[in-house]
């Protein structure tokens, strides 16, 4: 009898979620999250709640729509929700943002990060064989920095760089991510303070995103003895650029061809973060393959040149640039570079909402690519975001579920250029306005203006 009641309660919970989805203007996102693959996980992670103005399904969807909209303010999100309710003949008591902000705060962090990991894993595992490299899953690793509002709580958790004076800097966080090369989906991510925290330390917490048989691409920062040994023991191969601090001598080791050899690396001294027991567990030597190609030296654990020749490895490493483009999509297209929440917990929630919205766009791109018989990397991320935002507007929301095939046809019409071995300078051509930098806190600057009766730095 208890099993029957539990089953009935589960069906009630699912029916309530479905009703909330169809009542909300956010159906555009939840018809992706409540498919047969993610419905059970979405159900299990949604918190128990009573009927509110902003139930969890609606709050999360509005939060994701903020991440994709040019105007990310809570007021715009509430105004759009109010306009939708009026169009549906429902009442709107208030357009104040307080209730919506409290609804966002009630969303569990686990809901966002679990759905992000699940959607990324699902997309990576279902990538077509033709999208992979020699039938293997290739994953990208890289990191970046993210800024946020200058509040006391954020400064305490993510302090600004020590080189900046107090009151003129912003809290700064470091982000490390593992991304699928075939589909561009985020598989996992870690955030931590910029001060006293390295990108490699964050990446070591993401090793669960890698599985035996995977291939990892990374820049020279990841060319680390202990990291390579750890991945090799897990059955993960690597292709990395040689670190500038390591001297490469092709006269040593076993020659495999011109500027191509096997070489043994000796175990370095124990770093400060590692215990003696951990250091002793690593092998005394590491056998790797070093090769010079295209003006750079690459390091790999793929030791057999017949199975992976220099030209193939160089071509594969050239695709590492995609991770730079993926981070640019998040930080520039979605404007994730500067977060807007004012507490550390909400900063983490906002970050994971961005990554979840990013993965949902990647799902659309993969579906469109599969339908058209092309690679997902050939499609434009920004074009897909623009189409999805317009497609799911108030006037088109009723057409989404029935006419997704037509949306896919529009997505594949715009292709991105194929630019192998792309190199770009980290410099801006357009000069910024000659506004001086703030060299004191705004409070002191305002006092100075009142005292001198003239503009500071005029």
Protein backbone atom coordinates (compact mmCIF):
# COMPACT_ATOMS: atom_id res chain seq x y z
CA UNK A 1 0.00 0.00 0.00
CA UNK A 2 2.84 2.37 0.83
CA UNK A 3 4.46 1.71 -2.59
CA UNK A 4 1.18 2.55 -4.29
CA UNK A 5 0.92 5.81 -2.32
CA UNK A 6 4.52 6.67 -3.17
CA UNK A 7 3.86 6.04 -6.86
CA UNK A 8 0.69 8.15 -6.72
CA UNK A 9 2.58 10.95 -4.95
CA UNK A 10 5.34 10.81 -7.61
CA UNK A 11 2.75 11.09 -10.40
CA UNK A 12 1.14 14.01 -8.59
CA UNK A 13 4.52 15.74 -8.33
CA UNK A 14 5.21 15.17 -12.04
CA UNK A 15 1.76 16.42 -13.03
CA UNK A 16 2.26 19.54 -10.92
CA UNK A 17 5.60 20.23 -12.64
CA UNK A 18 4.01 19.74 -16.06
CA UNK A 19 1.17 22.14 -15.20
CA UNK A 20 3.64 24.75 -13.98
CA UNK A 21 5.66 24.39 -17.17
CA UNK A 22 2.70 24.88 -19.46
CA UNK A 23 1.35 27.77 -17.38
CA UNK A 24 4.61 29.69 -17.48
CA UNK A 25 6.03 31.75 -20.30
CA UNK A 26 9.28 29.85 -19.76
CA UNK A 27 8.17 26.72 -21.60
CA UNK A 28 10.89 27.44 -24.15
CA UNK A 29 13.59 26.26 -21.75
CA UNK A 30 11.76 23.58 -19.87
CA UNK A 31 10.71 21.67 -22.97
CA UNK A 32 14.46 20.97 -23.24
CA UNK A 33 14.97 20.18 -19.55
CA UNK A 34 11.89 17.98 -19.19
CA UNK A 35 12.56 15.58 -22.03
CA UNK A 36 12.80 11.88 -21.36
CA UNK A 37 16.51 12.18 -20.52
CA UNK A 38 16.45 14.98 -17.95
CA UNK A 39 12.90 14.88 -16.56
CA UNK A 40 13.66 12.46 -13.72
CA UNK A 41 16.71 14.47 -12.63
CA UNK A 42 14.82 17.77 -12.87
CA UNK A 43 12.01 16.33 -10.75
CA UNK A 44 14.37 15.02 -8.09
CA UNK A 45 16.26 18.30 -7.73
CA UNK A 46 13.30 20.66 -7.60
CA UNK A 47 12.64 21.64 -3.95
CA UNK A 48 9.33 20.99 -2.24
CA UNK A 49 7.26 24.15 -2.43
CA UNK A 50 3.78 25.51 -2.08
CA UNK A 51 1.95 27.35 -4.82
CA UNK A 52 3.72 30.68 -5.24
CA UNK A 53 3.78 33.52 -7.70
CA UNK A 54 7.20 32.31 -8.89
CA UNK A 55 7.43 28.49 -8.54
CA UNK A 56 10.91 26.95 -9.00
CA UNK A 57 10.33 26.02 -12.66
CA UNK A 58 9.37 29.58 -13.52
CA UNK A 59 12.11 31.16 -11.41
CA UNK A 60 14.83 29.04 -13.00
CA UNK A 61 13.55 29.67 -16.52
CA UNK A 62 13.37 33.42 -15.95
CA UNK A 63 16.88 33.27 -14.51
CA UNK A 64 18.15 31.51 -17.65
CA UNK A 65 16.36 33.95 -19.93
CA UNK A 66 18.17 36.76 -18.11
CA UNK A 67 21.46 35.11 -19.07
CA UNK A 68 20.54 35.20 -22.77
CA UNK A 69 18.94 38.64 -22.88
CA UNK A 70 20.87 41.81 -23.65
CA UNK A 71 19.18 43.53 -20.67
CA UNK A 72 19.94 41.25 -17.72
CA UNK A 73 18.10 43.28 -15.08
CA UNK A 74 15.60 41.61 -12.77
CA UNK A 75 13.17 44.43 -13.54
CA UNK A 76 13.12 43.55 -17.23
CA UNK A 77 12.56 39.87 -16.40
CA UNK A 78 9.61 40.70 -14.15
CA UNK A 79 8.19 43.17 -16.68
CA UNK A 80 8.29 40.50 -19.40
CA UNK A 81 6.59 38.02 -17.08
CA UNK A 82 3.90 40.61 -16.24
CA UNK A 83 3.28 41.40 -19.92
CA UNK A 84 2.89 37.68 -20.64
CA UNK A 85 0.35 37.26 -17.84
CA UNK A 86 -1.67 40.22 -19.09
CA UNK A 87 -1.62 38.77 -22.63
CA UNK A 88 -2.99 35.51 -21.21
CA UNK A 89 -5.78 37.31 -19.37
CA UNK A 90 -4.26 36.83 -15.91
CA UNK A 91 -3.93 39.45 -13.19
CA UNK A 92 -0.70 41.15 -12.17
CA UNK A 93 -0.58 42.48 -8.65
CA UNK A 94 2.84 44.11 -8.76
CA UNK A 95 5.94 44.40 -10.92
CA UNK A 96 8.30 44.84 -7.97
CA UNK A 97 11.29 42.53 -8.19
CA UNK A 98 11.39 41.46 -4.53
CA UNK A 99 9.32 38.28 -4.89
CA UNK A 100 11.27 37.15 -7.94
CA UNK A 101 14.64 37.79 -6.29
CA UNK A 102 13.57 35.77 -3.25
CA UNK A 103 12.43 32.97 -5.57
CA UNK A 104 15.89 32.91 -7.16
CA UNK A 105 17.49 32.71 -3.73
CA UNK A 106 15.35 29.68 -2.86
CA UNK A 107 16.62 27.74 -5.88
CA UNK A 108 19.12 25.10 -4.70
CA UNK A 109 22.62 25.43 -6.15
CA UNK A 110 22.64 21.68 -6.76
CA UNK A 111 19.74 22.09 -9.19
CA UNK A 112 21.76 24.29 -11.54
CA UNK A 113 25.13 22.55 -11.40
CA UNK A 114 23.66 19.03 -11.61
CA UNK A 115 21.55 19.91 -14.65
CA UNK A 116 24.57 21.57 -16.29
CA UNK A 117 26.75 18.50 -15.79
CA UNK A 118 23.97 16.12 -16.86
CA UNK A 119 23.14 18.06 -20.03
CA UNK A 120 26.83 18.35 -20.96
CA UNK A 121 27.47 14.66 -20.32
CA UNK A 122 24.40 13.63 -22.31
CA UNK A 123 25.46 15.78 -25.26
CA UNK A 124 29.06 14.53 -25.20
CA UNK A 125 28.11 10.84 -24.94
CA UNK A 126 25.62 11.09 -27.80
CA UNK A 127 27.96 12.88 -30.17
CA UNK A 128 28.03 11.12 -33.52
CA UNK A 129 31.07 9.04 -34.41
CA UNK A 130 31.90 11.42 -37.25
CA UNK A 131 32.16 14.30 -34.79
CA UNK A 132 34.91 12.59 -32.78
CA UNK A 133 38.64 12.25 -33.41
CA UNK A 134 39.51 8.69 -34.45
CA UNK A 135 36.40 7.56 -32.58
CA UNK A 136 37.65 9.05 -29.29
CA UNK A 137 36.05 11.69 -27.10
CA UNK A 138 38.33 14.74 -26.99
CA UNK A 139 37.92 17.21 -24.14
CA UNK A 140 39.32 20.70 -23.73
CA UNK A 141 40.64 22.30 -20.55
CA UNK A 142 41.12 25.99 -19.92
CA UNK A 143 40.39 28.73 -17.43
CA UNK A 144 39.47 32.39 -17.21
CA UNK A 145 38.64 35.13 -14.71
CA UNK A 146 35.26 36.61 -13.79
CA UNK A 147 34.45 39.87 -12.03
CA UNK A 148 31.44 40.74 -9.87
CA UNK A 149 29.88 43.64 -7.89
CA UNK A 150 32.08 45.24 -5.26
CA UNK A 151 30.27 44.22 -2.07
CA UNK A 152 31.80 43.35 1.29
CA UNK A 153 30.59 39.73 1.05
CA UNK A 154 31.99 39.25 -2.45
CA UNK A 155 35.31 40.88 -1.47
CA UNK A 156 35.64 38.51 1.48
CA UNK A 157 35.05 35.39 -0.63
CA UNK A 158 36.70 36.56 -3.87
CA UNK A 159 39.17 39.30 -2.88
CA UNK A 160 40.42 41.71 -5.51
CA UNK A 161 44.06 41.44 -6.68
CA UNK A 162 46.52 42.63 -4.05
CA UNK A 163 48.11 44.99 -6.58
CA UNK A 164 44.97 47.16 -6.49
CA UNK A 165 44.32 49.68 -3.75
CA UNK A 166 41.29 49.22 -1.53
CA UNK A 167 38.14 50.74 -2.96
CA UNK A 168 39.19 50.90 -6.62
CA UNK A 169 39.10 47.21 -7.56
CA UNK A 170 36.44 44.55 -7.94
CA UNK A 171 36.15 41.03 -6.51
CA UNK A 172 37.74 38.56 -8.90
CA UNK A 173 37.12 34.83 -9.29
CA UNK A 174 38.98 32.19 -11.25
CA UNK A 175 37.05 29.68 -13.36
CA UNK A 176 38.29 26.36 -14.77
CA UNK A 177 36.19 24.29 -17.15
CA UNK A 178 36.20 21.01 -19.10
CA UNK A 179 34.49 21.32 -22.49
CA UNK A 180 33.61 18.71 -25.13
CA UNK A 181 35.45 19.36 -28.38
CA UNK A 182 32.79 17.75 -30.59
CA UNK A 183 29.77 19.67 -29.30
CA UNK A 184 31.14 22.58 -27.25
CA UNK A 185 29.14 21.51 -24.16
CA UNK A 186 30.44 22.33 -20.67
CA UNK A 187 31.01 19.04 -18.84
CA UNK A 188 32.06 20.50 -15.50
CA UNK A 189 33.43 23.70 -14.01
CA UNK A 190 34.96 24.97 -10.78
CA UNK A 191 35.10 28.48 -9.37
CA UNK A 192 37.43 29.81 -6.71
CA UNK A 193 39.16 32.99 -5.54
CA UNK A 194 41.67 34.52 -7.92
CA UNK A 195 44.05 35.31 -5.07
CA UNK A 196 46.03 32.31 -3.83
CA UNK A 197 44.30 29.87 -6.16
CA UNK A 198 45.73 28.42 -9.36
CA UNK A 199 43.94 27.20 -12.47
CA UNK A 200 45.57 23.78 -12.10
CA UNK A 201 44.29 23.46 -8.53
CA UNK A 202 40.75 24.08 -9.76
CA UNK A 203 41.21 21.66 -12.66
CA UNK A 204 42.31 18.88 -10.32
CA UNK A 205 38.82 19.02 -8.80
CA UNK A 206 37.31 18.32 -12.25
CA UNK A 207 39.01 15.00 -13.02
CA UNK A 208 35.68 13.18 -12.62
CA UNK A 209 34.62 14.77 -15.93
CA UNK A 210 37.24 12.62 -17.71
CA UNK A 211 36.72 8.94 -18.45
CA UNK A 212 39.08 6.13 -19.55
CA UNK A 213 39.72 6.39 -23.28
CA UNK A 214 39.27 10.19 -23.36
CA UNK A 215 41.78 12.61 -24.86
CA UNK A 216 42.61 15.93 -23.18
CA UNK A 217 43.79 19.02 -25.08
CA UNK A 218 45.36 21.89 -23.14
CA UNK A 219 47.83 24.72 -23.47
CA UNK A 220 51.33 24.76 -22.00
CA UNK A 221 50.02 25.61 -18.53
CA UNK A 222 48.63 22.06 -18.26
CA UNK A 223 51.93 20.45 -19.28
CA UNK A 224 52.64 19.34 -15.73
CA UNK A 225 54.36 16.11 -14.68
CA UNK A 226 51.94 15.26 -11.87
CA UNK A 227 48.84 16.09 -13.93
CA UNK A 228 50.01 13.97 -16.89
CA UNK A 229 50.87 11.05 -14.58
CA UNK A 230 47.47 11.31 -12.86
CA UNK A 231 45.57 11.33 -16.15
CA UNK A 232 47.66 8.50 -17.58
CA UNK A 233 46.86 6.33 -14.55
CA UNK A 234 43.15 6.99 -15.22
CA UNK A 235 43.43 5.87 -18.85
CA UNK A 236 43.26 9.42 -20.26
CA UNK A 237 45.71 10.48 -22.97
CA UNK A 238 46.90 14.07 -23.35
CA UNK A 239 48.08 16.38 -26.12
CA UNK A 240 49.63 19.55 -24.69
CA UNK A 241 52.01 22.28 -25.72
CA UNK A 242 55.42 22.07 -24.08
CA UNK A 243 55.92 24.37 -21.10
CA UNK A 244 58.47 27.11 -21.76
CA UNK A 245 60.33 26.25 -18.55
CA UNK A 246 61.23 22.74 -19.84
CA UNK A 247 64.19 22.31 -22.17
CA UNK A 248 63.54 19.99 -25.14
CA UNK A 249 66.56 18.23 -26.62
CA UNK A 250 65.72 15.92 -29.55
CA UNK A 251 69.19 14.35 -29.33
CA UNK A 252 68.06 12.53 -26.20
CA UNK A 253 65.66 9.61 -25.93
CA UNK A 254 64.48 7.27 -28.67
CA UNK A 255 64.13 8.91 -32.08
CA UNK A 256 60.86 8.34 -33.96
CA UNK A 257 61.66 10.64 -36.87
CA UNK A 258 62.65 14.23 -37.51
CA UNK A 259 62.03 16.26 -34.35
CA UNK A 260 60.02 13.38 -32.88
CA UNK A 261 61.15 11.16 -30.00
CA UNK A 262 60.31 9.26 -26.82
CA UNK A 263 61.83 10.68 -23.66
CA UNK A 264 61.72 9.93 -19.95
CA UNK A 265 60.89 12.78 -17.58
CA UNK A 266 62.21 12.54 -14.02
CA UNK A 267 59.85 13.21 -11.14
CA UNK A 268 60.16 16.82 -9.90
CA UNK A 269 60.50 17.82 -6.29
CA UNK A 270 57.41 17.77 -4.11
CA UNK A 271 55.27 20.93 -4.52
CA UNK A 272 54.00 22.70 -1.41
CA UNK A 273 50.38 21.59 -1.91
CA UNK A 274 51.25 17.87 -2.10
CA UNK A 275 51.78 15.55 0.86
CA UNK A 276 54.82 13.25 1.09
CA UNK A 277 52.60 10.18 0.71
CA UNK A 278 51.06 11.57 -2.48
CA UNK A 279 54.48 12.45 -3.88
CA UNK A 280 55.85 8.97 -3.20
CA UNK A 281 52.86 7.40 -5.00
CA UNK A 282 53.88 8.98 -8.32
CA UNK A 283 56.29 7.06 -10.59
CA UNK A 284 59.93 8.10 -10.60
CA UNK A 285 59.88 8.52 -14.39
CA UNK A 286 57.29 9.33 -17.00
CA UNK A 287 57.54 8.19 -20.65
CA UNK A 288 56.16 10.81 -23.05
CA UNK A 289 56.47 11.68 -26.70
CA UNK A 290 57.77 15.11 -27.75
CA UNK A 291 57.50 16.42 -31.31
CA UNK A 292 58.09 19.71 -33.05
CA UNK A 293 55.48 20.66 -35.62
CA UNK A 294 54.13 23.94 -36.92
CA UNK A 295 56.65 25.99 -34.95
CA UNK A 296 55.64 24.55 -31.56
CA UNK A 297 56.66 21.58 -29.45
CA UNK A 298 53.87 19.23 -28.44
CA UNK A 299 53.84 16.65 -25.65
CA UNK A 300 51.59 13.60 -25.81
CA UNK A 301 51.10 10.19 -24.24
CA UNK A 302 50.16 8.76 -27.66
CA UNK A 303 53.47 6.97 -28.12
CA UNK A 304 52.89 5.05 -31.35
CA UNK A 305 53.66 7.21 -34.44
CA UNK A 306 51.89 4.81 -36.79
CA UNK A 307 48.59 5.31 -34.98
CA UNK A 308 48.98 9.06 -34.58
CA UNK A 309 51.37 10.76 -36.95
CA UNK A 310 52.75 14.27 -36.48
CA UNK A 311 50.40 15.80 -39.05
CA UNK A 312 47.30 14.38 -37.34
CA UNK A 313 48.45 15.52 -33.91
CA UNK A 314 49.23 19.01 -35.21
CA UNK A 315 45.79 19.22 -36.82
CA UNK A 316 44.13 18.04 -33.62
CA UNK A 317 46.02 20.51 -31.45
CA UNK A 318 45.01 23.28 -33.84
CA UNK A 319 41.44 22.63 -32.73
CA UNK A 320 42.34 23.55 -29.16
CA UNK A 321 41.55 27.14 -30.15
CA UNK A 322 37.88 26.19 -29.90
CA UNK A 323 38.04 26.41 -26.11
CA UNK A 324 39.08 30.06 -26.43
CA UNK A 325 36.05 30.65 -28.65
CA UNK A 326 33.78 28.80 -26.21
CA UNK A 327 34.93 30.97 -23.31
CA UNK A 328 34.42 34.02 -25.51
CA UNK A 329 30.85 32.88 -26.22
CA UNK A 330 30.20 32.70 -22.48
CA UNK A 331 31.95 35.91 -21.51
CA UNK A 332 31.18 38.15 -24.49
CA UNK A 333 28.06 36.80 -26.22
CA UNK A 334 26.32 35.90 -22.94
CA UNK A 335 28.14 38.68 -21.00
CA UNK A 336 29.22 36.32 -18.21
CA UNK A 337 32.48 38.24 -17.79
CA UNK A 338 30.91 40.53 -15.18
CA UNK A 339 28.32 38.89 -12.93
CA UNK A 340 25.60 40.94 -11.26
CA UNK A 341 24.72 39.15 -8.00
CA UNK A 342 25.88 40.68 -4.72
CA UNK A 343 26.46 37.65 -2.49
CA UNK A 344 28.90 34.74 -2.98
CA UNK A 345 26.15 32.09 -3.01
CA UNK A 346 24.13 33.96 -5.61
CA UNK A 347 27.31 34.53 -7.62
CA UNK A 348 27.75 30.76 -7.84
CA UNK A 349 24.09 30.27 -8.77
CA UNK A 350 24.34 32.94 -11.45
CA UNK A 351 27.49 31.33 -12.87
CA UNK A 352 25.85 27.89 -13.12
CA UNK A 353 22.71 29.40 -14.67
CA UNK A 354 24.90 30.91 -17.38
CA UNK A 355 26.57 27.55 -18.00
CA UNK A 356 23.20 25.76 -18.07
CA UNK A 357 21.76 28.24 -20.56
CA UNK A 358 24.95 27.87 -22.63
CA UNK A 359 24.55 24.07 -22.69
CA UNK A 360 20.91 24.33 -23.76
CA UNK A 361 21.96 26.44 -26.73
CA UNK A 362 24.59 23.79 -27.53
CA UNK A 363 21.85 21.14 -27.43
CA UNK A 364 19.91 23.06 -30.07
CA UNK A 365 23.05 23.41 -32.20
CA UNK A 366 23.81 19.68 -31.94
CA UNK A 367 20.23 18.77 -32.89
CA UNK A 368 20.34 21.14 -35.87
CA UNK A 369 23.77 19.82 -36.95
CA UNK A 370 22.58 16.22 -36.72
CA UNK A 371 19.52 17.01 -38.84
CA UNK A 372 21.58 18.78 -41.52
CA UNK A 373 24.49 16.33 -41.49
CA UNK A 374 27.13 18.89 -40.49
CA UNK A 375 29.48 19.37 -37.53
CA UNK A 376 28.17 21.38 -34.54
CA UNK A 377 31.38 23.42 -34.64
CA UNK A 378 30.39 24.69 -38.09
CA UNK A 379 27.37 26.53 -36.67
CA UNK A 380 27.27 29.98 -35.10
CA UNK A 381 26.60 30.19 -31.36
CA UNK A 382 25.52 33.84 -31.44
CA UNK A 383 23.21 33.23 -34.40
CA UNK A 384 21.55 30.38 -32.46
CA UNK A 385 21.10 32.55 -29.36
CA UNK A 386 19.50 35.31 -31.43
CA UNK A 387 17.17 32.89 -33.21
CA UNK A 388 16.17 31.12 -29.99
CA UNK A 389 15.41 34.41 -28.23
CA UNK A 390 13.24 35.59 -31.13
CA UNK A 391 11.62 32.17 -31.64
CA UNK A 392 10.52 31.97 -28.03
CA UNK A 393 9.21 35.51 -27.80
CA UNK A 394 5.65 36.11 -26.65
CA UNK A 395 4.17 35.91 -30.13
CA UNK A 396 5.99 32.70 -31.09
CA UNK A 397 5.98 30.71 -27.83
CA UNK A 398 3.02 28.57 -28.92
CA UNK A 399 4.87 27.40 -32.02
CA UNK A 400 8.06 26.17 -30.37
CA UNK A 401 7.27 22.54 -29.64
CA UNK A 402 5.49 21.88 -32.91
CA UNK A 403 7.95 23.53 -35.29
CA UNK A 404 11.44 22.92 -33.90
CA UNK A 405 12.45 21.33 -37.22
CA UNK A 406 11.96 24.70 -38.92
CA UNK A 407 14.09 26.34 -36.23
CA UNK A 408 16.87 23.82 -36.95
CA UNK A 409 16.76 24.73 -40.64
CA UNK A 410 17.28 28.40 -39.74
CA UNK A 411 20.15 27.60 -37.36
CA UNK A 412 22.18 25.71 -39.99
CA UNK A 413 21.91 28.49 -42.57
CA UNK A 414 24.69 30.53 -40.93
CA UNK A 415 28.09 28.81 -40.83
CA UNK A 416 31.27 30.00 -39.15
CA UNK A 417 34.49 30.28 -41.09
CA UNK A 418 37.06 27.51 -40.95
CA UNK A 419 40.30 29.19 -39.83
CA UNK A 420 42.90 26.52 -38.95
CA UNK A 421 45.99 27.55 -36.93
CA UNK A 422 44.31 30.81 -36.01
CA UNK A 423 46.45 33.26 -34.05
CA UNK A 424 45.13 36.54 -32.68
CA UNK A 425 47.02 39.27 -30.76
CA UNK A 426 45.73 40.11 -27.29
CA UNK A 427 45.31 43.76 -28.23
CA UNK A 428 42.55 46.17 -29.23
CA UNK A 429 42.57 48.16 -32.44
CA UNK A 430 39.90 50.69 -31.38
CA UNK A 431 41.29 53.13 -28.84
CA UNK A 432 39.25 53.70 -25.67
CA UNK A 433 38.13 57.16 -24.61
CA UNK A 434 40.87 59.02 -22.72
CA UNK A 435 39.15 58.78 -19.34
CA UNK A 436 41.64 58.56 -16.46
CA UNK A 437 41.61 55.54 -14.18
CA UNK A 438 40.11 55.92 -10.72
CA UNK A 439 42.99 55.93 -8.25
CA UNK A 440 41.05 56.23 -5.01
CA UNK A 441 37.72 55.02 -3.66
CA UNK A 442 34.61 56.76 -4.98
CA UNK A 443 33.85 58.06 -1.50
CA UNK A 444 37.20 59.88 -1.33
CA UNK A 445 36.85 61.02 -4.95
CA UNK A 446 33.44 62.62 -4.23
CA UNK A 447 34.87 64.35 -1.15
CA UNK A 448 37.73 65.71 -3.25
CA UNK A 449 35.30 67.05 -5.86
CA UNK A 450 33.23 68.81 -3.20
CA UNK A 451 36.36 70.25 -1.64
CA UNK A 452 37.97 71.60 -4.83
CA UNK A 453 34.67 72.37 -6.65
CA UNK A 454 36.03 70.88 -9.86
CA UNK A 455 36.07 67.57 -11.60
CA UNK A 456 38.73 65.16 -10.41
CA UNK A 457 41.50 64.54 -12.94
CA UNK A 458 40.11 67.30 -15.15
